[in-house]
Amino acid sequence: MTPTYSVAISFGKDLGWLDYDAAAKAAEVHIANDTAKESVESFLQKKHTIGVPHESLTDFTPVEVDPLADERSFELGITRLWEETGVSVDWSRPVDYVKAHPHY
């Protein structure tokens, strides 16, 4: 799988990352915690209804998102990952560093 999008994740003291391949519509979860890995894999296989904001902080439209459908859906879907799995998406953590050093 050639990832088109990678992002760092964490669960407790475990670091990892997600690789998303838009052409294959597939993702791989890399984390040394079986509970976290299984939870994320399960999350990514389901569609989710997410309130998407518009012109104000109170203007949301519910949108059904399939996280594996495309890169935008993947990004939007994983914004809700922590709420459902306890796995954080570490948007600001350099994913290349985590790939080289997948631990604290």
PDB file of N, CA and C in Angstrom:
ATOM      1  N   MET A   1       0.844  -1.180   0.000  1.00  0.00           N
ATOM      2  CA  MET A   1       0.000   0.000   0.000  1.00  0.00           C
ATOM      3  C   MET A   1       0.887   1.240   0.000  1.00  0.00           C
ATOM      4  N   THR A   2       0.627   2.134  -0.907  1.00  0.00           N
ATOM      5  CA  THR A   2       1.335   3.408  -0.955  1.00  0.00           C
ATOM      6  C   THR A   2       0.430   4.466  -0.348  1.00  0.00           C
ATOM      7  N   PRO A   3       0.772   4.933   0.864  1.00  0.00           N
ATOM      8  CA  PRO A   3      -0.119   5.912   1.501  1.00  0.00           C
ATOM      9  C   PRO A   3      -0.120   7.250   0.773  1.00  0.00           C
ATOM     10  N   THR A   4      -1.299   7.840   0.690  1.00  0.00           N
ATOM     11  CA  THR A   4      -1.402   9.188   0.139  1.00  0.00           C
ATOM     12  C   THR A   4      -1.551  10.198   1.267  1.00  0.00           C
ATOM     13  N   TYR A   5      -1.790   9.664   2.479  1.00  0.00           N
ATOM     14  CA  TYR A   5      -2.009  10.536   3.632  1.00  0.00           C
ATOM     15  C   TYR A   5      -1.586   9.766   4.879  1.00  0.00           C
ATOM     16  N   SER A   6      -0.766  10.369   5.708  1.00  0.00           N
ATOM     17  CA  SER A   6      -0.360   9.760   6.973  1.00  0.00           C
ATOM     18  C   SER A   6      -0.538  10.771   8.079  1.00  0.00           C
ATOM     19  N   VAL A   7      -0.945  10.286   9.254  1.00  0.00           N
ATOM     20  CA  VAL A   7      -1.118  11.168  10.401  1.00  0.00           C
ATOM     21  C   VAL A   7      -0.771  10.374  11.665  1.00  0.00           C
ATOM     22  N   ALA A   8      -0.169  11.069  12.624  1.00  0.00           N
ATOM     23  CA  ALA A   8       0.216  10.442  13.887  1.00  0.00           C
ATOM     24  C   ALA A   8      -1.008  10.239  14.778  1.00  0.00           C
ATOM     25  N   ILE A   9      -0.967   9.164  15.575  1.00  0.00           N
ATOM     26  CA  ILE A   9      -2.013   8.897  16.554  1.00  0.00           C
ATOM     27  C   ILE A   9      -1.342   8.502  17.869  1.00  0.00           C
ATOM     28  N   SER A  10      -2.126   8.539  18.948  1.00  0.00           N
ATOM     29  CA  SER A  10      -1.620   8.072  20.232  1.00  0.00           C
ATOM     30  C   SER A  10      -2.762   7.492  21.047  1.00  0.00           C
ATOM     31  N   PHE A  11      -2.386   6.563  21.931  1.00  0.00           N
ATOM     32  CA  PHE A  11      -3.339   5.929  22.830  1.00  0.00           C
ATOM     33  C   PHE A  11      -2.582   5.653  24.119  1.00  0.00           C
ATOM     34  N   GLY A  12      -2.901   6.424  25.158  1.00  0.00           N
ATOM     35  CA  GLY A  12      -2.138   6.296  26.392  1.00  0.00           C
ATOM     36  C   GLY A  12      -0.683   6.640  26.133  1.00  0.00           C
ATOM     37  N   LYS A  13       0.209   5.688  26.419  1.00  0.00           N
ATOM     38  CA  LYS A  13       1.642   5.923  26.189  1.00  0.00           C
ATOM     39  C   LYS A  13       2.126   5.331  24.877  1.00  0.00           C
ATOM     40  N   ASP A  14       1.198   4.890  24.046  1.00  0.00           N
ATOM     41  CA  ASP A  14       1.564   4.291  22.761  1.00  0.00           C
ATOM     42  C   ASP A  14       1.399   5.290  21.630  1.00  0.00           C
ATOM     43  N   LEU A  15       2.438   5.423  20.828  1.00  0.00           N
ATOM     44  CA  LEU A  15       2.393   6.273  19.636  1.00  0.00           C
ATOM     45  C   LEU A  15       2.231   5.391  18.404  1.00  0.00           C
ATOM     46  N   GLY A  16       1.635   5.956  17.367  1.00  0.00           N
ATOM     47  CA  GLY A  16       1.482   5.238  16.116  1.00  0.00           C
ATOM     48  C   GLY A  16       1.070   6.185  15.019  1.00  0.00           C
ATOM     49  N   TRP A  17       0.573   5.627  13.931  1.00  0.00           N
ATOM     50  CA  TRP A  17       0.131   6.461  12.817  1.00  0.00           C
ATOM     51  C   TRP A  17      -0.870   5.698  11.963  1.00  0.00           C
ATOM     52  N   LEU A  18      -1.595   6.469  11.183  1.00  0.00           N
ATOM     53  CA  LEU A  18      -2.522   5.932  10.196  1.00  0.00           C
ATOM     54  C   LEU A  18      -1.978   6.237   8.822  1.00  0.00           C
ATOM     55  N   ASP A  19      -2.035   5.275   7.935  1.00  0.00           N
ATOM     56  CA  ASP A  19      -1.709   5.480   6.519  1.00  0.00           C
ATOM     57  C   ASP A  19      -2.995   5.274   5.730  1.00  0.00           C
ATOM     58  N   TYR A  20      -3.332   6.240   4.897  1.00  0.00           N
ATOM     59  CA  TYR A  20      -4.525   6.129   4.052  1.00  0.00           C
ATOM     60  C   TYR A  20      -4.094   6.120   2.601  1.00  0.00           C
ATOM     61  N   ASP A  21      -4.642   5.179   1.825  1.00  0.00           N
ATOM     62  CA  ASP A  21      -4.376   5.064   0.399  1.00  0.00           C
ATOM     63  C   ASP A  21      -5.675   5.371  -0.344  1.00  0.00           C
ATOM     64  N   ALA A  22      -5.736   6.538  -0.969  1.00  0.00           N
ATOM     65  CA  ALA A  22      -6.964   6.969  -1.647  1.00  0.00           C
ATOM     66  C   ALA A  22      -7.309   6.071  -2.826  1.00  0.00           C
ATOM     67  N   ALA A  23      -6.308   5.603  -3.561  1.00  0.00           N
ATOM     68  CA  ALA A  23      -6.579   4.762  -4.728  1.00  0.00           C
ATOM     69  C   ALA A  23      -7.222   3.433  -4.316  1.00  0.00           C
ATOM     70  N   ALA A  24      -6.755   2.867  -3.226  1.00  0.00           N
ATOM     71  CA  ALA A  24      -7.281   1.587  -2.749  1.00  0.00           C
ATOM     72  C   ALA A  24      -8.473   1.757  -1.811  1.00  0.00           C
ATOM     73  N   LYS A  25      -8.709   3.002  -1.374  1.00  0.00           N
ATOM     74  CA  LYS A  25      -9.771   3.281  -0.388  1.00  0.00           C
ATOM     75  C   LYS A  25      -9.583   2.397   0.841  1.00  0.00           C
ATOM     76  N   ALA A  26      -8.335   2.415   1.343  1.00  0.00           N
ATOM     77  CA  ALA A  26      -7.976   1.563   2.475  1.00  0.00           C
ATOM     78  C   ALA A  26      -7.037   2.312   3.413  1.00  0.00           C
ATOM     79  N   ALA A  27      -7.034   1.879   4.657  1.00  0.00           N
ATOM     80  CA  ALA A  27      -6.148   2.476   5.647  1.00  0.00           C
ATOM     81  C   ALA A  27      -5.467   1.375   6.435  1.00  0.00           C
ATOM     82  N   GLU A  28      -4.254   1.671   6.883  1.00  0.00           N
ATOM     83  CA  GLU A  28      -3.520   0.767   7.763  1.00  0.00           C
ATOM     84  C   GLU A  28      -3.280   1.498   9.069  1.00  0.00           C
ATOM     85  N   VAL A  29      -3.467   0.781  10.167  1.00  0.00           N
ATOM     86  CA  VAL A  29      -3.266   1.325  11.503  1.00  0.00           C
ATOM     87  C   VAL A  29      -1.970   0.743  12.040  1.00  0.00           C
ATOM     88  N   HIS A  30      -1.047   1.614  12.423  1.00  0.00           N
ATOM     89  CA  HIS A  30       0.247   1.195  12.966  1.00  0.00           C
ATOM     90  C   HIS A  30       0.346   1.713  14.395  1.00  0.00           C
ATOM     91  N   ILE A  31       0.118   0.820  15.358  1.00  0.00           N
ATOM     92  CA  ILE A  31       0.269   1.178  16.762  1.00  0.00           C
ATOM     93  C   ILE A  31       0.491  -0.121  17.533  1.00  0.00           C
ATOM     94  N   ALA A  32       1.365  -0.076  18.524  1.00  0.00           N
ATOM     95  CA  ALA A  32       1.720  -1.275  19.286  1.00  0.00           C
ATOM     96  C   ALA A  32       0.758  -1.498  20.443  1.00  0.00           C
ATOM     97  N   ASN A  33      -0.530  -1.353  20.182  1.00  0.00           N
ATOM     98  CA  ASN A  33      -1.552  -1.588  21.190  1.00  0.00           C
ATOM     99  C   ASN A  33      -2.727  -2.232  20.466  1.00  0.00           C
ATOM    100  N   ASP A  34      -2.967  -3.500  20.740  1.00  0.00           N
ATOM    101  CA  ASP A  34      -3.997  -4.241  20.014  1.00  0.00           C
ATOM    102  C   ASP A  34      -5.394  -3.665  20.205  1.00  0.00           C
ATOM    103  N   THR A  35      -5.697  -3.201  21.412  1.00  0.00           N
ATOM    104  CA  THR A  35      -7.021  -2.613  21.675  1.00  0.00           C
ATOM    105  C   THR A  35      -7.228  -1.381  20.814  1.00  0.00           C
ATOM    106  N   ALA A  36      -6.240  -0.494  20.798  1.00  0.00           N
ATOM    107  CA  ALA A  36      -6.333   0.737  19.995  1.00  0.00           C
ATOM    108  C   ALA A  36      -6.432   0.395  18.516  1.00  0.00           C
ATOM    109  N   LYS A  37      -5.599  -0.516  18.055  1.00  0.00           N
ATOM    110  CA  LYS A  37      -5.588  -0.883  16.631  1.00  0.00           C
ATOM    111  C   LYS A  37      -6.945  -1.426  16.197  1.00  0.00           C
ATOM    112  N   GLU A  38      -7.498  -2.361  16.977  1.00  0.00           N
ATOM    113  CA  GLU A  38      -8.787  -2.946  16.632  1.00  0.00           C
ATOM    114  C   GLU A  38      -9.906  -1.906  16.662  1.00  0.00           C
ATOM    115  N   SER A  39      -9.862  -1.001  17.642  1.00  0.00           N
ATOM    116  CA  SER A  39     -10.885   0.045  17.745  1.00  0.00           C
ATOM    117  C   SER A  39     -10.853   0.972  16.535  1.00  0.00           C
ATOM    118  N   VAL A  40      -9.655   1.370  16.122  1.00  0.00           N
ATOM    119  CA  VAL A  40      -9.528   2.273  14.970  1.00  0.00           C
ATOM    120  C   VAL A  40      -9.944   1.558  13.695  1.00  0.00           C
ATOM    121  N   GLU A  41      -9.507   0.330  13.515  1.00  0.00           N
ATOM    122  CA  GLU A  41      -9.893  -0.428  12.315  1.00  0.00           C
ATOM    123  C   GLU A  41     -11.406  -0.554  12.222  1.00  0.00           C
ATOM    124  N   SER A  42     -12.054  -0.842  13.339  1.00  0.00           N
ATOM    125  CA  SER A  42     -13.511  -0.955  13.359  1.00  0.00           C
ATOM    126  C   SER A  42     -14.166   0.387  13.038  1.00  0.00           C
ATOM    127  N   PHE A  43     -13.655   1.466  13.634  1.00  0.00           N
ATOM    128  CA  PHE A  43     -14.180   2.811  13.397  1.00  0.00           C
ATOM    129  C   PHE A  43     -14.122   3.169  11.908  1.00  0.00           C
ATOM    130  N   LEU A  44     -13.005   2.870  11.276  1.00  0.00           N
ATOM    131  CA  LEU A  44     -12.819   3.239   9.871  1.00  0.00           C
ATOM    132  C   LEU A  44     -13.720   2.457   8.918  1.00  0.00           C
ATOM    133  N   GLN A  45     -14.224   1.318   9.343  1.00  0.00           N
ATOM    134  CA  GLN A  45     -15.079   0.490   8.488  1.00  0.00           C
ATOM    135  C   GLN A  45     -16.539   0.934   8.485  1.00  0.00           C
ATOM    136  N   LYS A  46     -16.909   1.841   9.407  1.00  0.00           N
ATOM    137  CA  LYS A  46     -18.308   2.263   9.536  1.00  0.00           C
ATOM    138  C   LYS A  46     -18.519   3.680   9.022  1.00  0.00           C
ATOM    139  N   LYS A  47     -19.738   3.955   8.593  1.00  0.00           N
ATOM    140  CA  LYS A  47     -20.122   5.328   8.239  1.00  0.00           C
ATOM    141  C   LYS A  47     -20.512   6.052   9.522  1.00  0.00           C
ATOM    142  N   HIS A  48     -20.269   7.364   9.555  1.00  0.00           N
ATOM    143  CA  HIS A  48     -20.551   8.176  10.733  1.00  0.00           C
ATOM    144  C   HIS A  48     -21.294   9.437  10.318  1.00  0.00           C
ATOM    145  N   THR A  49     -22.254   9.859  11.128  1.00  0.00           N
ATOM    146  CA  THR A  49     -22.937  11.126  10.890  1.00  0.00           C
ATOM    147  C   THR A  49     -22.218  12.195  11.692  1.00  0.00           C
ATOM    148  N   ILE A  50     -21.724  13.206  10.983  1.00  0.00           N
ATOM    149  CA  ILE A  50     -20.919  14.265  11.592  1.00  0.00           C
ATOM    150  C   ILE A  50     -21.547  15.615  11.278  1.00  0.00           C
ATOM    151  N   GLY A  51     -21.645  16.473  12.282  1.00  0.00           N
ATOM    152  CA  GLY A  51     -22.134  17.830  12.083  1.00  0.00           C
ATOM    153  C   GLY A  51     -21.044  18.673  11.448  1.00  0.00           C
ATOM    154  N   VAL A  52     -21.254  19.108  10.231  1.00  0.00           N
ATOM    155  CA  VAL A  52     -20.260  19.904   9.502  1.00  0.00           C
ATOM    156  C   VAL A  52     -20.632  21.386   9.639  1.00  0.00           C
ATOM    157  N   PRO A  53     -19.692  22.224  10.141  1.00  0.00           N
ATOM    158  CA  PRO A  53     -19.996  23.644  10.343  1.00  0.00           C
ATOM    159  C   PRO A  53     -20.048  24.420   9.033  1.00  0.00           C
ATOM    160  N   HIS A  54     -20.787  25.537   9.094  1.00  0.00           N
ATOM    161  CA  HIS A  54     -20.903  26.391   7.916  1.00  0.00           C
ATOM    162  C   HIS A  54     -20.488  27.820   8.270  1.00  0.00           C
ATOM    163  N   GLU A  55     -21.429  28.741   8.331  1.00  0.00           N
ATOM    164  CA  GLU A  55     -21.084  30.147   8.475  1.00  0.00           C
ATOM    165  C   GLU A  55     -20.966  30.644   9.908  1.00  0.00           C
ATOM    166  N   SER A  56     -21.410  29.870  10.873  1.00  0.00           N
ATOM    167  CA  SER A  56     -21.284  30.304  12.262  1.00  0.00           C
ATOM    168  C   SER A  56     -21.024  29.091  13.141  1.00  0.00           C
ATOM    169  N   LEU A  57     -20.788  29.341  14.421  1.00  0.00           N
ATOM    170  CA  LEU A  57     -20.519  28.249  15.350  1.00  0.00           C
ATOM    171  C   LEU A  57     -21.766  27.445  15.704  1.00  0.00           C
ATOM    172  N   THR A  58     -22.924  27.930  15.281  1.00  0.00           N
ATOM    173  CA  THR A  58     -24.162  27.214  15.569  1.00  0.00           C
ATOM    174  C   THR A  58     -24.840  26.686  14.308  1.00  0.00           C
ATOM    175  N   ASP A  59     -24.192  26.834  13.162  1.00  0.00           N
ATOM    176  CA  ASP A  59     -24.759  26.436  11.877  1.00  0.00           C
ATOM    177  C   ASP A  59     -24.090  25.136  11.402  1.00  0.00           C
ATOM    178  N   PHE A  60     -24.701  24.000  11.741  1.00  0.00           N
ATOM    179  CA  PHE A  60     -24.159  22.700  11.370  1.00  0.00           C
ATOM    180  C   PHE A  60     -25.162  21.921  10.538  1.00  0.00           C
ATOM    181  N   THR A  61     -24.651  21.132   9.623  1.00  0.00           N
ATOM    182  CA  THR A  61     -25.472  20.229   8.837  1.00  0.00           C
ATOM    183  C   THR A  61     -24.957  18.819   9.072  1.00  0.00           C
ATOM    184  N   PRO A  62     -25.837  17.892   9.443  1.00  0.00           N
ATOM    185  CA  PRO A  62     -25.377  16.511   9.605  1.00  0.00           C
ATOM    186  C   PRO A  62     -25.046  15.899   8.240  1.00  0.00           C
ATOM    187  N   VAL A  63     -23.867  15.310   8.150  1.00  0.00           N
ATOM    188  CA  VAL A  63     -23.405  14.690   6.913  1.00  0.00           C
ATOM    189  C   VAL A  63     -22.938  13.278   7.243  1.00  0.00           C
ATOM    190  N   GLU A  64     -23.355  12.313   6.436  1.00  0.00           N
ATOM    191  CA  GLU A  64     -22.877  10.953   6.618  1.00  0.00           C
ATOM    192  C   GLU A  64     -21.527  10.806   5.934  1.00  0.00           C
ATOM    193  N   VAL A  65     -20.544  10.325   6.673  1.00  0.00           N
ATOM    194  CA  VAL A  65     -19.174  10.231   6.171  1.00  0.00           C
ATOM    195  C   VAL A  65     -18.705   8.784   6.215  1.00  0.00           C
ATOM    196  N   ASP A  66     -18.176   8.324   5.102  1.00  0.00           N
ATOM    197  CA  ASP A  66     -17.510   7.030   5.021  1.00  0.00           C
ATOM    198  C   ASP A  66     -16.016   7.339   5.047  1.00  0.00           C
ATOM    199  N   PRO A  67     -15.319   7.088   6.167  1.00  0.00           N
ATOM    200  CA  PRO A  67     -13.922   7.514   6.300  1.00  0.00           C
ATOM    201  C   PRO A  67     -12.976   6.992   5.222  1.00  0.00           C
ATOM    202  N   LEU A  68     -13.309   5.892   4.582  1.00  0.00           N
ATOM    203  CA  LEU A  68     -12.408   5.332   3.571  1.00  0.00           C
ATOM    204  C   LEU A  68     -12.764   5.731   2.142  1.00  0.00           C
ATOM    205  N   ALA A  69     -13.784   6.551   1.967  1.00  0.00           N
ATOM    206  CA  ALA A  69     -14.255   6.904   0.621  1.00  0.00           C
ATOM    207  C   ALA A  69     -13.252   7.740  -0.168  1.00  0.00           C
ATOM    208  N   ASP A  70     -12.620   8.713   0.487  1.00  0.00           N
ATOM    209  CA  ASP A  70     -11.646   9.587  -0.168  1.00  0.00           C
ATOM    210  C   ASP A  70     -10.873  10.326   0.923  1.00  0.00           C
ATOM    211  N   GLU A  71      -9.855  11.075   0.519  1.00  0.00           N
ATOM    212  CA  GLU A  71      -8.989  11.735   1.497  1.00  0.00           C
ATOM    213  C   GLU A  71      -9.746  12.738   2.367  1.00  0.00           C
ATOM    214  N   ARG A  72     -10.628  13.512   1.771  1.00  0.00           N
ATOM    215  CA  ARG A  72     -11.394  14.493   2.557  1.00  0.00           C
ATOM    216  C   ARG A  72     -12.274  13.787   3.583  1.00  0.00           C
ATOM    217  N   SER A  73     -12.929  12.711   3.191  1.00  0.00           N
ATOM    218  CA  SER A  73     -13.767  11.948   4.116  1.00  0.00           C
ATOM    219  C   SER A  73     -12.927  11.301   5.222  1.00  0.00           C
ATOM    220  N   PHE A  74     -11.736  10.845   4.859  1.00  0.00           N
ATOM    221  CA  PHE A  74     -10.833  10.270   5.853  1.00  0.00           C
ATOM    222  C   PHE A  74     -10.473  11.315   6.903  1.00  0.00           C
ATOM    223  N   GLU A  75     -10.058  12.499   6.446  1.00  0.00           N
ATOM    224  CA  GLU A  75      -9.710  13.576   7.375  1.00  0.00           C
ATOM    225  C   GLU A  75     -10.890  13.958   8.258  1.00  0.00           C
ATOM    226  N   LEU A  76     -12.043  14.128   7.660  1.00  0.00           N
ATOM    227  CA  LEU A  76     -13.234  14.510   8.417  1.00  0.00           C
ATOM    228  C   LEU A  76     -13.634  13.406   9.393  1.00  0.00           C
ATOM    229  N   GLY A  77     -13.592  12.180   8.941  1.00  0.00           N
ATOM    230  CA  GLY A  77     -13.979  11.061   9.795  1.00  0.00           C
ATOM    231  C   GLY A  77     -13.103  10.925  11.028  1.00  0.00           C
ATOM    232  N   ILE A  78     -11.797  11.063  10.848  1.00  0.00           N
ATOM    233  CA  ILE A  78     -10.912  10.859  11.999  1.00  0.00           C
ATOM    234  C   ILE A  78     -10.938  12.020  12.992  1.00  0.00           C
ATOM    235  N   THR A  79     -11.643  13.099  12.656  1.00  0.00           N
ATOM    236  CA  THR A  79     -11.820  14.156  13.658  1.00  0.00           C
ATOM    237  C   THR A  79     -12.680  13.658  14.813  1.00  0.00           C
ATOM    238  N   ARG A  80     -13.404  12.573  14.618  1.00  0.00           N
ATOM    239  CA  ARG A  80     -14.267  12.003  15.662  1.00  0.00           C
ATOM    240  C   ARG A  80     -13.690  10.723  16.259  1.00  0.00           C
ATOM    241  N   LEU A  81     -12.480  10.389  15.882  1.00  0.00           N
ATOM    242  CA  LEU A  81     -11.858   9.141  16.324  1.00  0.00           C
ATOM    243  C   LEU A  81     -11.744   9.066  17.847  1.00  0.00           C
ATOM    244  N   TRP A  82     -11.272  10.122  18.476  1.00  0.00           N
ATOM    245  CA  TRP A  82     -11.059  10.109  19.922  1.00  0.00           C
ATOM    246  C   TRP A  82     -12.360   9.876  20.679  1.00  0.00           C
ATOM    247  N   GLU A  83     -13.427  10.528  20.240  1.00  0.00           N
ATOM    248  CA  GLU A  83     -14.719  10.394  20.930  1.00  0.00           C
ATOM    249  C   GLU A  83     -15.189   8.946  20.990  1.00  0.00           C
ATOM    250  N   GLU A  84     -14.942   8.187  19.939  1.00  0.00           N
ATOM    251  CA  GLU A  84     -15.474   6.825  19.864  1.00  0.00           C
ATOM    252  C   GLU A  84     -14.483   5.740  20.275  1.00  0.00           C
ATOM    253  N   THR A  85     -13.181   6.049  20.219  1.00  0.00           N
ATOM    254  CA  THR A  85     -12.190   5.002  20.471  1.00  0.00           C
ATOM    255  C   THR A  85     -11.206   5.329  21.583  1.00  0.00           C
ATOM    256  N   GLY A  86     -11.079   6.588  21.939  1.00  0.00           N
ATOM    257  CA  GLY A  86     -10.059   6.996  22.913  1.00  0.00           C
ATOM    258  C   GLY A  86      -8.689   7.172  22.283  1.00  0.00           C
ATOM    259  N   VAL A  87      -8.597   6.979  20.970  1.00  0.00           N
ATOM    260  CA  VAL A  87      -7.339   7.165  20.239  1.00  0.00           C
ATOM    261  C   VAL A  87      -7.304   8.594  19.717  1.00  0.00           C
ATOM    262  N   SER A  88      -6.241   9.322  20.057  1.00  0.00           N
ATOM    263  CA  SER A  88      -6.101  10.712  19.626  1.00  0.00           C
ATOM    264  C   SER A  88      -5.400  10.799  18.283  1.00  0.00           C
ATOM    265  N   VAL A  89      -5.873  11.705  17.449  1.00  0.00           N
ATOM    266  CA  VAL A  89      -5.164  12.044  16.223  1.00  0.00           C
ATOM    267  C   VAL A  89      -4.257  13.210  16.587  1.00  0.00           C
ATOM    268  N   ASP A  90      -2.971  13.005  16.418  1.00  0.00           N
ATOM    269  CA  ASP A  90      -1.976  14.017  16.803  1.00  0.00           C
ATOM    270  C   ASP A  90      -1.624  14.861  15.582  1.00  0.00           C
ATOM    271  N   TRP A  91      -2.537  15.753  15.233  1.00  0.00           N
ATOM    272  CA  TRP A  91      -2.417  16.547  14.008  1.00  0.00           C
ATOM    273  C   TRP A  91      -1.086  17.292  13.934  1.00  0.00           C
ATOM    274  N   SER A  92      -0.590  17.780  15.047  1.00  0.00           N
ATOM    275  CA  SER A  92       0.618  18.613  15.010  1.00  0.00           C
ATOM    276  C   SER A  92       1.905  17.821  15.236  1.00  0.00           C
ATOM    277  N   ARG A  93       1.800  16.544  15.568  1.00  0.00           N
ATOM    278  CA  ARG A  93       3.009  15.738  15.780  1.00  0.00           C
ATOM    279  C   ARG A  93       3.549  15.290  14.421  1.00  0.00           C
ATOM    280  N   PRO A  94       4.819  15.523  14.153  1.00  0.00           N
ATOM    281  CA  PRO A  94       5.389  15.110  12.856  1.00  0.00           C
ATOM    282  C   PRO A  94       5.329  13.591  12.682  1.00  0.00           C
ATOM    283  N   VAL A  95       4.567  13.137  11.709  1.00  0.00           N
ATOM    284  CA  VAL A  95       4.350  11.707  11.521  1.00  0.00           C
ATOM    285  C   VAL A  95       5.644  10.988  11.142  1.00  0.00           C
ATOM    286  N   ASP A  96       6.548  11.638  10.432  1.00  0.00           N
ATOM    287  CA  ASP A  96       7.816  10.987  10.084  1.00  0.00           C
ATOM    288  C   ASP A  96       8.644  10.693  11.334  1.00  0.00           C
ATOM    289  N   TYR A  97       8.563  11.568  12.326  1.00  0.00           N
ATOM    290  CA  TYR A  97       9.260  11.334  13.591  1.00  0.00           C
ATOM    291  C   TYR A  97       8.651  10.122  14.303  1.00  0.00           C
ATOM    292  N   VAL A  98       7.330  10.039  14.317  1.00  0.00           N
ATOM    293  CA  VAL A  98       6.652   8.913  14.979  1.00  0.00           C
ATOM    294  C   VAL A  98       6.990   7.607  14.267  1.00  0.00           C
ATOM    295  N   LYS A  99       7.060   7.626  12.953  1.00  0.00           N
ATOM    296  CA  LYS A  99       7.414   6.416  12.211  1.00  0.00           C
ATOM    297  C   LYS A  99       8.811   5.944  12.574  1.00  0.00           C
ATOM    298  N   ALA A 100       9.723   6.877  12.805  1.00  0.00           N
ATOM    299  CA  ALA A 100      11.101   6.531  13.173  1.00  0.00           C
ATOM    300  C   ALA A 100      11.218   6.189  14.651  1.00  0.00           C
ATOM    301  N   HIS A 101      10.358   6.765  15.500  1.00  0.00           N
ATOM    302  CA  HIS A 101      10.431   6.590  16.957  1.00  0.00           C
ATOM    303  C   HIS A 101       9.021   6.366  17.513  1.00  0.00           C
ATOM    304  N   PRO A 102       8.430   5.195  17.312  1.00  0.00           N
ATOM    305  CA  PRO A 102       7.035   4.979  17.716  1.00  0.00           C
ATOM    306  C   PRO A 102       6.848   4.717  19.227  1.00  0.00           C
ATOM    307  N   HIS A 103       7.483   5.550  20.028  1.00  0.00           N
ATOM    308  CA  HIS A 103       7.358   5.447  21.487  1.00  0.00           C
ATOM    309  C   HIS A 103       7.745   6.776  22.107  1.00  0.00           C
ATOM    310  N   TYR A 104       7.353   6.965  23.351  1.00  0.00           N
ATOM    311  CA  TYR A 104       7.735   8.196  24.066  1.00  0.00           C
ATOM    312  C   TYR A 104       9.139   8.085  24.571  1.00  0.00           C
TER     313      TYR A 104
END
